[in-house]
Amino acid sequence: MNQESGILVAGGARQHRLLLRYANRHGLITGATGTGKTVTLQVLAEGFSAAGVPVFVADVKGDLSGLSQPGESAAKIVERARTIGLPERQFRASPTLLWDLFGEQGHPVRATVSDMGPLLLGRLLDLNEVQTGVLNIVFQVADDEGLLLIDLKDLRAMLTFVADHAKEIRVEYGSVSSASVGAIQRGLLTLEQQGGDRFFGEPELELEDLMLTTPDGSGAISLLAADRLMQSPKLYGTFLLWLLAELFENLPEVGDLDKPKLVFFFDEAHLLFDDAPDALVEKVEQVVRLIRSRGVGVFFVTQNPLDIPDEILGQLGNRVQHALRAFTPRDQKAVRAAAQTFRQNPALDTETAIMELGVGEALVSFLDADGSPAVVGRALVAPPLSRIGPASGGERAAVLTESPLAGAYDETVDRESAYESLRDREQREGQAAGPWRRPGGAPRGQENSTGSRRGGSGKAPKREKSAIERVVLGDGRRQGLAEAMAKSAVRTVGRSIGRQIVRGLFGSLYKR
């Protein structure tokens, strides 16, 4: 694909192409149910893949698995291509990797409790501000005690430990009430019943596996099976936000590239912002604003433009607007808001057109060659080259069998972490009263001969500031390539042989 020509998305009075060098300026796909958003997403995903750009997208309805299969020359598709003025096309499949948090329809996806951090985990458990503060204390105590939080049983063990030592903890960390600990435990039980416990553990997802390319240079499309995941909407929204934060924190700054390193589609984006605290929305806005310098483009897909906060909406330079219906005052407000976000076309009544669009028709405005939004135009979305509709069970199984990641994430690894360390400590010390003791047996706070509180027993080091703290809240330094590589090395060592604790991007919003 010619990078200057970009991805052909729609055609009509003129062709509408998304320029690859502006794909990291982010985008928005909106429209009512059944108006064609999924096909638009599919066209963009296979276009990026053909240009050598890896893609991550959640398959909310199960339809996007058709990306892994070649399309068919149906009469409607042929007619649409002829209307747009497309030459005869060769249908083809896109290289697809299948993922699933539950490990049923794709490679398992896992993260550690430590990487998730107390802010995101608090939202996932639906905790209030006080309970989230207690959870933050639990994480800090785990850091100071050199205890790894990997899966939910580690977190349960730490909650019990903190509750049993609440009097000692109050002096250094603050009060921990049994009611708050109980609320967190109940939240963990609900999360487990929803299947969320399968998400926490190791081997943890390696971000590099979302950025694979094929031998012929095509970008892999990582497709997350989200039809079942959508039954737990907070788990869905929190997972995608965590993944976006991990990409931001670990990818080096690269500035503007000829094409992005990865494009991230956030379908059902309203789930990210529904009932989200202001602090979390602010963090999301910061990540979206800064992640473009990491070479990542983010496209939000939702029904209503009002689902996206204004601070984020203003950063989305590439727009595809499908039909909206105006049955209520809020609907009418949404139509007006959508119309006002476009660069107006004197020959088009944008507000009226939004309500008249047919299925597969859209208002389109991408960034021009000079980086400014193009005048909005009414167009027909191009038909994809892959199948419209889901792959069969047998076809999915074949994709998994042929995957380069087959077997890499199948077996759960349960190494020594907080649960095992605290269990062994209890067995050694029983229930006798005494000073807190670290896993090595030394009383907490006792200095060694060199004056160090830690000693040389291989405990976890004090964590460094996260990327978001340094860039937005901290000392003003931007993370360079060498620093990012060093941090990546620490993460790798910690997962394999060390006891390092690496806190995720949202792991330290609340400071004691």
Protein backbone atom coordinates (compact mmCIF):
# COMPACT_ATOMS: atom_id res chain seq x y z
CA MET A 1 0.00 0.00 0.00
CA ASN A 2 1.21 3.48 -0.84
CA GLN A 3 1.51 5.22 2.51
CA GLU A 4 0.75 8.60 0.97
CA SER A 5 -2.48 7.28 -0.54
CA GLY A 6 -3.52 5.84 2.82
CA ILE A 7 -6.38 3.46 3.61
CA LEU A 8 -9.44 3.77 1.40
CA VAL A 9 -12.34 3.79 3.83
CA ALA A 10 -15.26 5.29 1.88
CA GLY A 11 -16.18 6.79 -1.46
CA GLY A 12 -18.85 8.95 -3.01
CA ALA A 13 -18.40 12.36 -4.56
CA ARG A 14 -14.75 11.80 -3.61
CA GLN A 15 -12.69 9.07 -2.03
CA HIS A 16 -11.91 9.30 1.67
CA ARG A 17 -8.53 7.91 2.72
CA LEU A 18 -7.00 7.82 6.16
CA LEU A 19 -3.34 8.85 5.89
CA LEU A 20 -1.08 6.48 7.82
CA ARG A 21 1.18 9.20 9.17
CA TYR A 22 -1.83 10.79 10.91
CA ALA A 23 -3.32 7.59 12.28
CA ASN A 24 -1.69 8.29 15.65
CA ARG A 25 -3.82 11.45 15.87
CA HIS A 26 -6.54 9.03 16.95
CA GLY A 27 -10.09 8.64 15.69
CA LEU A 28 -13.77 8.14 16.44
CA ILE A 29 -16.40 5.87 14.88
CA THR A 30 -19.94 6.58 16.04
CA GLY A 31 -23.49 5.68 15.06
CA ALA A 32 -26.61 3.94 16.22
CA THR A 33 -26.86 0.16 16.44
CA GLY A 34 -27.08 -1.51 13.04
CA THR A 35 -25.78 1.42 10.99
CA GLY A 36 -22.46 -0.15 9.94
CA LYS A 37 -19.87 0.70 12.62
CA THR A 38 -18.54 -2.86 12.74
CA VAL A 39 -17.90 -3.01 8.99
CA THR A 40 -16.15 0.37 9.13
CA LEU A 41 -13.94 -0.95 11.92
CA GLN A 42 -13.25 -4.07 9.85
CA VAL A 43 -12.23 -2.02 6.79
CA LEU A 44 -9.86 0.06 8.88
CA ALA A 45 -8.36 -2.97 10.66
CA GLU A 46 -7.59 -4.87 7.46
CA GLY A 47 -6.29 -1.67 5.85
CA PHE A 48 -3.83 -1.10 8.68
CA SER A 49 -2.81 -4.76 8.57
CA ALA A 50 -2.13 -4.60 4.83
CA ALA A 51 0.05 -1.52 5.45
CA GLY A 52 2.17 -3.43 7.97
CA VAL A 53 0.58 -1.93 11.10
CA PRO A 54 -0.41 -4.35 13.91
CA VAL A 55 -3.94 -3.87 15.26
CA PHE A 56 -5.68 -4.66 18.53
CA VAL A 57 -9.47 -4.76 18.61
CA ALA A 58 -12.12 -6.20 20.92
CA ASP A 59 -14.70 -8.35 19.12
CA VAL A 60 -17.78 -7.39 21.11
CA LYS A 61 -20.38 -9.21 19.00
CA GLY A 62 -18.20 -12.01 17.61
CA ASP A 63 -18.55 -10.74 14.03
CA LEU A 64 -14.97 -9.56 13.55
CA SER A 65 -13.52 -13.08 13.58
CA GLY A 66 -14.41 -12.99 9.87
CA LEU A 67 -11.20 -10.97 9.44
CA SER A 68 -9.38 -14.30 9.55
CA GLN A 69 -11.27 -15.59 6.48
CA PRO A 70 -11.41 -14.36 2.86
CA GLY A 71 -14.57 -12.55 1.78
CA GLU A 72 -17.02 -13.66 -0.88
CA SER A 73 -18.16 -11.95 -4.05
CA ALA A 74 -21.77 -11.35 -3.02
CA ALA A 75 -24.01 -9.20 -5.23
CA LYS A 76 -24.31 -6.37 -2.67
CA ILE A 77 -20.54 -6.22 -2.21
CA VAL A 78 -19.90 -6.13 -5.94
CA GLU A 79 -22.50 -3.39 -6.38
CA ARG A 80 -21.05 -1.31 -3.53
CA ALA A 81 -17.52 -1.58 -4.97
CA ARG A 82 -18.79 -0.55 -8.41
CA THR A 83 -20.68 2.43 -6.98
CA ILE A 84 -17.58 3.67 -5.17
CA GLY A 85 -15.48 3.15 -8.29
CA LEU A 86 -13.24 0.40 -6.96
CA PRO A 87 -11.44 -1.92 -9.39
CA GLU A 88 -12.03 -5.67 -9.26
CA ARG A 89 -10.57 -6.84 -5.99
CA GLN A 90 -9.04 -10.06 -4.70
CA PHE A 91 -10.72 -11.18 -1.49
CA ARG A 92 -8.28 -12.24 1.21
CA ALA A 93 -7.99 -13.00 4.91
CA SER A 94 -5.95 -10.89 7.29
CA PRO A 95 -3.37 -12.47 9.64
CA THR A 96 -5.29 -12.83 12.89
CA LEU A 97 -4.37 -13.72 16.46
CA LEU A 98 -7.24 -14.77 18.73
CA TRP A 99 -7.26 -13.82 22.42
CA ASP A 100 -9.69 -14.46 25.27
CA LEU A 101 -9.53 -13.44 28.94
CA PHE A 102 -11.25 -16.73 29.78
CA GLY A 103 -8.96 -18.82 27.57
CA GLU A 104 -11.87 -20.45 25.72
CA GLN A 105 -11.91 -18.82 22.28
CA GLY A 106 -8.30 -17.71 22.06
CA HIS A 107 -4.95 -17.48 23.77
CA PRO A 108 -5.39 -16.66 27.49
CA VAL A 109 -4.72 -13.05 28.50
CA ARG A 110 -3.33 -12.46 31.99
CA ALA A 111 -1.99 -9.60 34.08
CA THR A 112 -0.67 -9.51 37.63
CA VAL A 113 -2.53 -7.82 40.47
CA SER A 114 0.53 -5.63 41.03
CA ASP A 115 0.53 -4.35 37.45
CA MET A 116 -3.17 -3.59 37.60
CA GLY A 117 -2.62 -1.32 40.60
CA PRO A 118 -5.08 -0.14 43.28
CA LEU A 119 -6.85 2.55 41.24
CA LEU A 120 -7.97 0.31 38.38
CA LEU A 121 -8.59 -2.61 40.71
CA GLY A 122 -10.67 -0.38 42.97
CA ARG A 123 -12.85 0.60 40.03
CA LEU A 124 -13.11 -3.02 38.96
CA LEU A 125 -14.32 -3.97 42.46
CA ASP A 126 -16.67 -0.95 42.61
CA LEU A 127 -15.00 0.42 45.76
CA ASN A 128 -15.64 3.85 47.24
CA GLU A 129 -12.87 6.35 47.98
CA VAL A 130 -12.21 5.09 51.52
CA GLN A 131 -12.09 1.45 50.44
CA THR A 132 -9.77 2.30 47.55
CA GLY A 133 -7.53 4.08 50.04
CA VAL A 134 -7.36 0.89 52.13
CA LEU A 135 -6.53 -1.09 49.01
CA ASN A 136 -3.72 1.35 48.30
CA ILE A 137 -2.37 0.69 51.82
CA VAL A 138 -2.46 -3.05 51.12
CA PHE A 139 -0.38 -2.53 47.97
CA GLN A 140 2.10 -0.30 49.83
CA VAL A 141 2.53 -2.81 52.65
CA ALA A 142 3.16 -5.54 50.06
CA ASP A 143 5.84 -3.36 48.48
CA ASP A 144 7.51 -2.64 51.81
CA GLU A 145 7.33 -6.28 52.88
CA GLY A 146 8.83 -7.50 49.60
CA LEU A 147 5.74 -9.57 48.73
CA LEU A 148 4.64 -10.17 45.16
CA LEU A 149 0.97 -9.64 44.30
CA ILE A 150 0.39 -11.85 41.28
CA ASP A 151 -3.06 -13.42 41.52
CA LEU A 152 -6.19 -12.96 43.62
CA LYS A 153 -5.15 -15.41 46.32
CA ASP A 154 -2.09 -13.21 46.92
CA LEU A 155 -4.36 -10.21 47.37
CA ARG A 156 -6.66 -12.13 49.71
CA ALA A 157 -3.66 -13.18 51.80
CA MET A 158 -2.43 -9.58 51.99
CA LEU A 159 -5.88 -8.34 53.02
CA THR A 160 -5.93 -10.87 55.86
CA PHE A 161 -2.39 -9.92 56.87
CA VAL A 162 -3.22 -6.21 56.94
CA ALA A 163 -6.43 -6.79 58.89
CA ASP A 164 -4.58 -8.89 61.48
CA HIS A 165 -1.94 -6.17 61.92
CA ALA A 166 -4.24 -3.16 61.69
CA LYS A 167 -2.95 -1.65 64.97
CA GLU A 168 0.68 -1.70 63.88
CA ILE A 169 -0.20 -0.49 60.37
CA ARG A 170 -2.14 2.52 61.65
CA VAL A 171 1.04 4.18 62.91
CA GLU A 172 2.85 4.25 59.56
CA TYR A 173 0.16 3.90 56.89
CA GLY A 174 -3.16 5.00 58.36
CA SER A 175 -6.30 3.34 59.64
CA VAL A 176 -7.56 0.12 58.12
CA SER A 177 -11.10 -0.77 59.11
CA SER A 178 -12.43 -4.30 59.09
CA ALA A 179 -15.50 -3.02 57.23
CA SER A 180 -13.35 -1.80 54.32
CA VAL A 181 -11.38 -5.03 54.22
CA GLY A 182 -14.65 -6.95 54.19
CA ALA A 183 -15.98 -4.84 51.31
CA ILE A 184 -12.84 -5.55 49.27
CA GLN A 185 -13.09 -9.28 50.00
CA ARG A 186 -16.73 -9.30 48.88
CA GLY A 187 -15.74 -7.47 45.71
CA LEU A 188 -13.09 -10.11 45.02
CA LEU A 189 -15.68 -12.85 45.47
CA THR A 190 -17.98 -11.17 42.93
CA LEU A 191 -15.08 -10.75 40.52
CA GLU A 192 -14.21 -14.44 40.82
CA GLN A 193 -17.82 -15.43 40.14
CA GLN A 194 -17.67 -13.37 36.93
CA GLY A 195 -14.54 -15.26 35.85
CA GLY A 196 -12.18 -12.37 36.51
CA ASP A 197 -9.85 -14.58 38.55
CA ARG A 198 -8.68 -16.16 35.28
CA PHE A 199 -7.30 -12.81 34.18
CA PHE A 200 -4.93 -12.40 37.14
CA GLY A 201 -1.83 -14.55 37.06
CA GLU A 202 1.15 -15.56 34.95
CA PRO A 203 2.48 -15.88 32.31
CA GLU A 204 1.57 -12.26 31.83
CA LEU A 205 0.75 -10.89 28.39
CA GLU A 206 3.89 -9.71 26.58
CA LEU A 207 3.12 -6.50 24.71
CA GLU A 208 5.47 -7.51 21.91
CA ASP A 209 3.04 -10.32 21.05
CA LEU A 210 0.44 -7.69 20.14
CA MET A 211 2.85 -6.10 17.65
CA LEU A 212 3.79 -9.03 15.41
CA THR A 213 4.16 -8.84 11.63
CA THR A 214 4.08 -11.66 9.11
CA PRO A 215 7.00 -12.60 6.84
CA ASP A 216 5.38 -10.64 4.00
CA GLY A 217 5.20 -7.51 6.18
CA SER A 218 1.50 -7.53 7.09
CA GLY A 219 0.55 -6.47 10.60
CA ALA A 220 -1.14 -9.05 12.81
CA ILE A 221 -4.68 -8.27 13.97
CA SER A 222 -5.07 -9.23 17.64
CA LEU A 223 -8.74 -9.99 18.16
CA LEU A 224 -10.03 -10.20 21.72
CA ALA A 225 -13.15 -12.33 22.11
CA ALA A 226 -15.37 -10.00 24.14
CA ASP A 227 -18.90 -11.39 23.65
CA ARG A 228 -18.81 -13.13 27.05
CA LEU A 229 -16.58 -10.45 28.55
CA MET A 230 -19.30 -7.88 27.85
CA GLN A 231 -21.43 -9.57 30.51
CA SER A 232 -18.97 -8.01 32.97
CA PRO A 233 -18.71 -4.49 31.52
CA LYS A 234 -16.42 -3.11 34.24
CA LEU A 235 -13.98 -5.95 33.69
CA TYR A 236 -14.07 -5.23 29.96
CA GLY A 237 -13.49 -1.49 30.32
CA THR A 238 -10.84 -1.87 33.02
CA PHE A 239 -8.90 -4.48 31.06
CA LEU A 240 -8.73 -2.34 27.92
CA LEU A 241 -7.72 0.70 29.94
CA TRP A 242 -5.00 -1.34 31.66
CA LEU A 243 -3.72 -2.54 28.30
CA LEU A 244 -3.65 0.99 26.91
CA ALA A 245 -1.77 2.16 30.01
CA GLU A 246 0.75 -0.67 29.69
CA LEU A 247 1.44 0.30 26.09
CA PHE A 248 2.00 3.89 27.12
CA GLU A 249 4.25 2.99 30.02
CA ASN A 250 6.48 0.52 28.22
CA LEU A 251 6.82 1.74 24.64
CA PRO A 252 9.63 4.23 23.97
CA GLU A 253 8.90 7.71 22.72
CA VAL A 254 9.30 7.85 18.93
CA GLY A 255 7.50 11.03 17.85
CA ASP A 256 5.69 11.15 14.52
CA LEU A 257 6.29 8.15 12.25
CA ASP A 258 5.37 7.40 8.63
CA LYS A 259 2.91 4.90 10.04
CA PRO A 260 1.95 3.91 13.61
CA LYS A 261 3.54 1.03 15.48
CA LEU A 262 0.12 -0.15 16.66
CA VAL A 263 -3.52 0.87 16.30
CA PHE A 264 -5.83 0.22 19.24
CA PHE A 265 -9.62 0.05 18.72
CA PHE A 266 -11.72 0.62 21.85
CA ASP A 267 -15.18 -0.69 20.99
CA GLU A 268 -18.14 0.14 23.28
CA ALA A 269 -16.01 3.00 24.57
CA HIS A 270 -18.77 4.36 26.83
CA LEU A 271 -18.00 1.50 29.23
CA LEU A 272 -14.67 3.15 29.96
CA PHE A 273 -16.28 6.36 31.19
CA ASP A 274 -19.55 5.19 32.75
CA ASP A 275 -19.45 5.95 36.49
CA ALA A 276 -15.69 6.55 36.30
CA PRO A 277 -14.24 8.87 38.97
CA ASP A 278 -12.85 12.19 37.80
CA ALA A 279 -9.30 11.12 38.68
CA LEU A 280 -9.56 8.13 36.37
CA VAL A 281 -11.03 10.16 33.48
CA GLU A 282 -8.19 12.64 33.90
CA LYS A 283 -5.66 9.82 33.66
CA VAL A 284 -7.32 8.48 30.52
CA GLU A 285 -7.20 11.92 28.94
CA GLN A 286 -3.49 12.18 29.74
CA VAL A 287 -2.73 8.75 28.30
CA VAL A 288 -4.65 9.44 25.08
CA ARG A 289 -2.90 12.77 24.67
CA LEU A 290 0.58 11.38 25.25
CA ILE A 291 0.45 7.90 23.72
CA ARG A 292 0.64 9.28 20.17
CA SER A 293 4.32 10.03 20.86
CA ARG A 294 4.74 6.27 21.42
CA GLY A 295 3.51 5.62 17.88
CA VAL A 296 0.11 4.27 18.96
CA GLY A 297 -3.18 5.34 17.42
CA VAL A 298 -6.40 4.97 19.44
CA PHE A 299 -9.84 4.75 17.81
CA PHE A 300 -12.93 4.93 20.02
CA VAL A 301 -16.05 3.17 18.77
CA THR A 302 -19.37 4.03 20.40
CA GLN A 303 -22.97 4.87 19.61
CA ASN A 304 -23.07 8.47 20.75
CA PRO A 305 -20.38 11.17 20.55
CA LEU A 306 -21.56 12.37 23.97
CA ASP A 307 -20.19 9.11 25.41
CA ILE A 308 -16.69 10.58 25.08
CA PRO A 309 -15.57 13.40 27.44
CA ASP A 310 -14.89 16.69 25.67
CA GLU A 311 -11.21 16.67 26.69
CA ILE A 312 -10.72 13.40 24.79
CA LEU A 313 -13.15 14.14 21.97
CA GLY A 314 -11.05 17.16 20.98
CA GLN A 315 -8.03 14.93 20.41
CA LEU A 316 -9.72 12.62 17.89
CA GLY A 317 -8.74 13.96 14.47
CA ASN A 318 -10.19 11.23 12.22
CA ARG A 319 -13.99 10.87 12.27
CA VAL A 320 -16.53 8.47 10.77
CA GLN A 321 -20.10 9.26 11.73
CA HIS A 322 -22.87 6.77 10.93
CA ALA A 323 -26.55 7.50 11.33
CA LEU A 324 -28.04 8.76 14.59
CA ARG A 325 -31.70 8.83 15.49
CA ALA A 326 -33.21 11.86 17.27
CA PHE A 327 -36.21 10.62 19.24
CA THR A 328 -35.47 12.38 22.54
CA PRO A 329 -33.99 15.75 23.56
CA ARG A 330 -30.74 13.97 24.46
CA ASP A 331 -30.68 12.35 21.00
CA GLN A 332 -31.18 15.75 19.39
CA LYS A 333 -28.34 17.15 21.49
CA ALA A 334 -26.11 14.29 20.35
CA VAL A 335 -26.92 14.98 16.69
CA ARG A 336 -26.08 18.66 17.07
CA ALA A 337 -22.88 17.84 18.97
CA ALA A 338 -21.79 15.37 16.29
CA ALA A 339 -22.50 17.87 13.50
CA GLN A 340 -20.52 20.60 15.24
CA THR A 341 -17.38 18.48 15.55
CA PHE A 342 -16.90 18.38 11.76
CA ARG A 343 -15.32 20.98 9.53
CA GLN A 344 -18.44 22.22 7.80
CA ASN A 345 -19.16 21.64 4.13
CA PRO A 346 -21.16 24.53 2.57
CA ALA A 347 -22.80 22.03 0.21
CA LEU A 348 -23.99 19.74 3.01
CA ASP A 349 -26.42 20.20 5.92
CA THR A 350 -24.46 18.05 8.34
CA GLU A 351 -27.07 17.87 11.09
CA THR A 352 -29.82 16.78 8.74
CA ALA A 353 -27.55 14.32 6.91
CA ILE A 354 -26.68 12.48 10.15
CA MET A 355 -30.34 11.52 10.57
CA GLU A 356 -30.78 10.54 6.90
CA LEU A 357 -27.78 8.23 6.47
CA GLY A 358 -28.53 4.68 5.38
CA VAL A 359 -26.84 1.47 6.53
CA GLY A 360 -23.20 1.48 5.43
CA GLU A 361 -23.30 5.20 4.72
CA ALA A 362 -21.38 7.75 6.80
CA LEU A 363 -20.13 11.28 7.18
CA VAL A 364 -16.35 11.18 6.94
CA SER A 365 -13.60 13.63 7.81
CA PHE A 366 -9.95 12.56 8.02
CA LEU A 367 -6.88 14.70 8.48
CA ASP A 368 -5.55 16.23 5.25
CA ALA A 369 -1.92 16.16 4.11
CA ASP A 370 -1.25 19.33 6.10
CA GLY A 371 -2.71 17.78 9.27
CA SER A 372 -5.94 19.80 9.30
CA PRO A 373 -9.40 18.16 9.27
CA ALA A 374 -10.86 17.73 5.78
CA VAL A 375 -14.27 19.16 4.94
CA VAL A 376 -16.90 16.62 5.93
CA GLY A 377 -18.34 14.52 3.12
CA ARG A 378 -21.16 12.03 2.76
CA ALA A 379 -19.93 8.67 1.49
CA LEU A 380 -20.48 4.93 1.24
CA VAL A 381 -18.14 2.75 3.30
CA ALA A 382 -16.01 0.46 1.14
CA PRO A 383 -16.66 -3.29 1.43
CA PRO A 384 -13.95 -5.27 3.24
CA LEU A 385 -11.82 -7.92 1.56
CA SER A 386 -12.33 -10.34 4.43
CA ARG A 387 -15.58 -12.04 5.40
CA ILE A 388 -18.43 -9.97 6.80
CA GLY A 389 -19.65 -12.09 9.69
CA PRO A 390 -18.10 -14.54 12.16
CA ALA A 391 -15.75 -17.43 11.52
CA SER A 392 -17.03 -20.88 12.37
CA GLY A 393 -15.82 -22.86 15.36
CA GLY A 394 -13.67 -25.05 13.13
CA GLU A 395 -12.15 -22.02 11.42
CA ARG A 396 -11.31 -20.45 14.77
CA ALA A 397 -9.68 -23.70 15.90
CA ALA A 398 -7.56 -23.74 12.75
CA VAL A 399 -6.43 -20.14 13.36
CA LEU A 400 -5.39 -21.05 16.92
CA THR A 401 -3.53 -24.17 15.77
CA GLU A 402 -1.55 -22.22 13.17
CA SER A 403 -0.85 -19.30 15.52
CA PRO A 404 2.83 -18.50 16.20
CA LEU A 405 1.82 -18.14 19.87
CA ALA A 406 0.29 -21.62 20.16
CA GLY A 407 1.15 -23.01 23.60
CA ALA A 408 2.92 -19.86 24.81
CA TYR A 409 0.20 -18.84 27.28
CA ASP A 410 -1.72 -22.06 27.81
CA GLU A 411 -0.21 -23.25 31.09
CA THR A 412 -0.64 -21.14 34.21
CA VAL A 413 2.56 -20.49 36.20
CA ASP A 414 2.11 -20.21 39.97
CA ARG A 415 5.45 -19.14 41.43
CA GLU A 416 6.13 -18.15 45.02
CA SER A 417 4.41 -14.90 45.86
CA ALA A 418 2.57 -13.21 48.73
CA TYR A 419 0.25 -16.14 49.46
CA GLU A 420 3.06 -18.67 49.79
CA SER A 421 5.36 -16.28 51.71
CA LEU A 422 2.69 -15.37 54.25
CA ARG A 423 1.61 -19.01 54.64
CA ASP A 424 5.20 -20.07 55.32
CA ARG A 425 5.67 -17.19 57.76
CA GLU A 426 2.57 -18.23 59.70
CA GLN A 427 3.77 -21.82 59.84
CA ARG A 428 7.15 -20.69 61.19
CA GLU A 429 5.92 -18.18 63.70
CA GLY A 430 2.48 -19.53 64.58
CA GLN A 431 0.10 -17.05 66.11
CA ALA A 432 2.52 -15.74 68.75
CA ALA A 433 2.64 -11.98 69.21
CA GLY A 434 5.82 -10.21 68.24
CA PRO A 435 7.33 -7.72 65.84
CA TRP A 436 6.53 -7.87 62.16
CA ARG A 437 9.05 -10.01 60.37
CA ARG A 438 10.13 -9.96 56.78
CA PRO A 439 10.11 -13.19 54.71
CA GLY A 440 13.79 -13.74 55.63
CA GLY A 441 12.95 -13.65 59.34
CA ALA A 442 14.48 -10.29 60.36
CA PRO A 443 12.18 -7.98 62.38
CA ARG A 444 10.79 -5.15 60.31
CA GLY A 445 12.72 -1.90 60.83
CA GLN A 446 15.87 -3.61 62.14
CA GLU A 447 18.95 -2.33 60.35
CA ASN A 448 21.81 -4.55 59.26
CA SER A 449 25.46 -3.86 59.87
CA THR A 450 25.65 -1.47 56.90
CA GLY A 451 22.70 0.59 58.12
CA SER A 452 20.36 -0.67 55.38
CA ARG A 453 16.87 -1.72 56.34
CA ARG A 454 16.68 -4.09 53.41
CA GLY A 455 19.93 -6.02 53.66
CA GLY A 456 21.05 -8.38 50.93
CA SER A 457 18.30 -10.99 51.03
CA GLY A 458 16.94 -10.25 47.56
CA LYS A 459 13.85 -8.32 48.61
CA ALA A 460 11.95 -6.11 46.21
CA PRO A 461 13.51 -2.69 45.67
CA LYS A 462 11.56 0.50 46.23
CA ARG A 463 9.65 1.08 43.03
CA GLU A 464 10.59 3.96 40.76
CA LYS A 465 8.10 6.56 39.59
CA SER A 466 5.79 5.31 36.89
CA ALA A 467 5.89 6.84 33.43
CA ILE A 468 2.78 8.93 33.99
CA GLU A 469 4.21 10.36 37.21
CA ARG A 470 7.44 11.37 35.50
CA VAL A 471 5.83 12.83 32.39
CA VAL A 472 2.77 14.50 33.89
CA LEU A 473 3.10 14.73 37.65
CA GLY A 474 6.76 14.32 38.41
CA ASP A 475 10.13 15.80 37.64
CA GLY A 476 9.45 16.78 34.03
CA ARG A 477 11.69 14.15 32.44
CA ARG A 478 10.39 12.24 29.48
CA GLN A 479 11.16 8.55 29.32
CA GLY A 480 13.86 7.88 26.76
CA LEU A 481 14.60 4.74 24.80
CA ALA A 482 17.39 3.58 27.11
CA GLU A 483 15.22 4.05 30.18
CA ALA A 484 12.30 2.22 28.60
CA MET A 485 14.58 -0.67 27.61
CA ALA A 486 16.04 -0.82 31.10
CA LYS A 487 12.57 -0.88 32.63
CA SER A 488 11.53 -3.63 30.22
CA ALA A 489 14.59 -5.63 31.27
CA VAL A 490 13.66 -5.27 34.94
CA ARG A 491 10.15 -6.53 34.19
CA THR A 492 11.53 -9.54 32.33
CA VAL A 493 13.94 -10.46 35.11
CA GLY A 494 11.23 -10.01 37.71
CA ARG A 495 8.90 -12.39 35.91
CA SER A 496 11.47 -15.13 35.52
CA ILE A 497 13.90 -15.21 38.48
CA GLY A 498 13.60 -12.11 40.62
CA ARG A 499 11.25 -10.75 43.26
CA GLN A 500 10.94 -7.28 41.82
CA ILE A 501 7.56 -5.62 42.19
CA VAL A 502 6.58 -3.53 39.19
CA ARG A 503 3.57 -1.31 39.72
CA GLY A 504 1.37 -0.45 36.75
CA LEU A 505 0.67 2.99 35.38
CA PHE A 506 -2.30 3.59 37.68
CA GLY A 507 -0.66 1.90 40.66
CA SER A 508 0.31 5.00 42.62
CA LEU A 509 -2.30 7.67 42.13
CA TYR A 510 -3.04 7.65 45.83
CA LYS A 511 0.06 8.39 47.88
CA ARG A 512 0.38 7.91 51.62
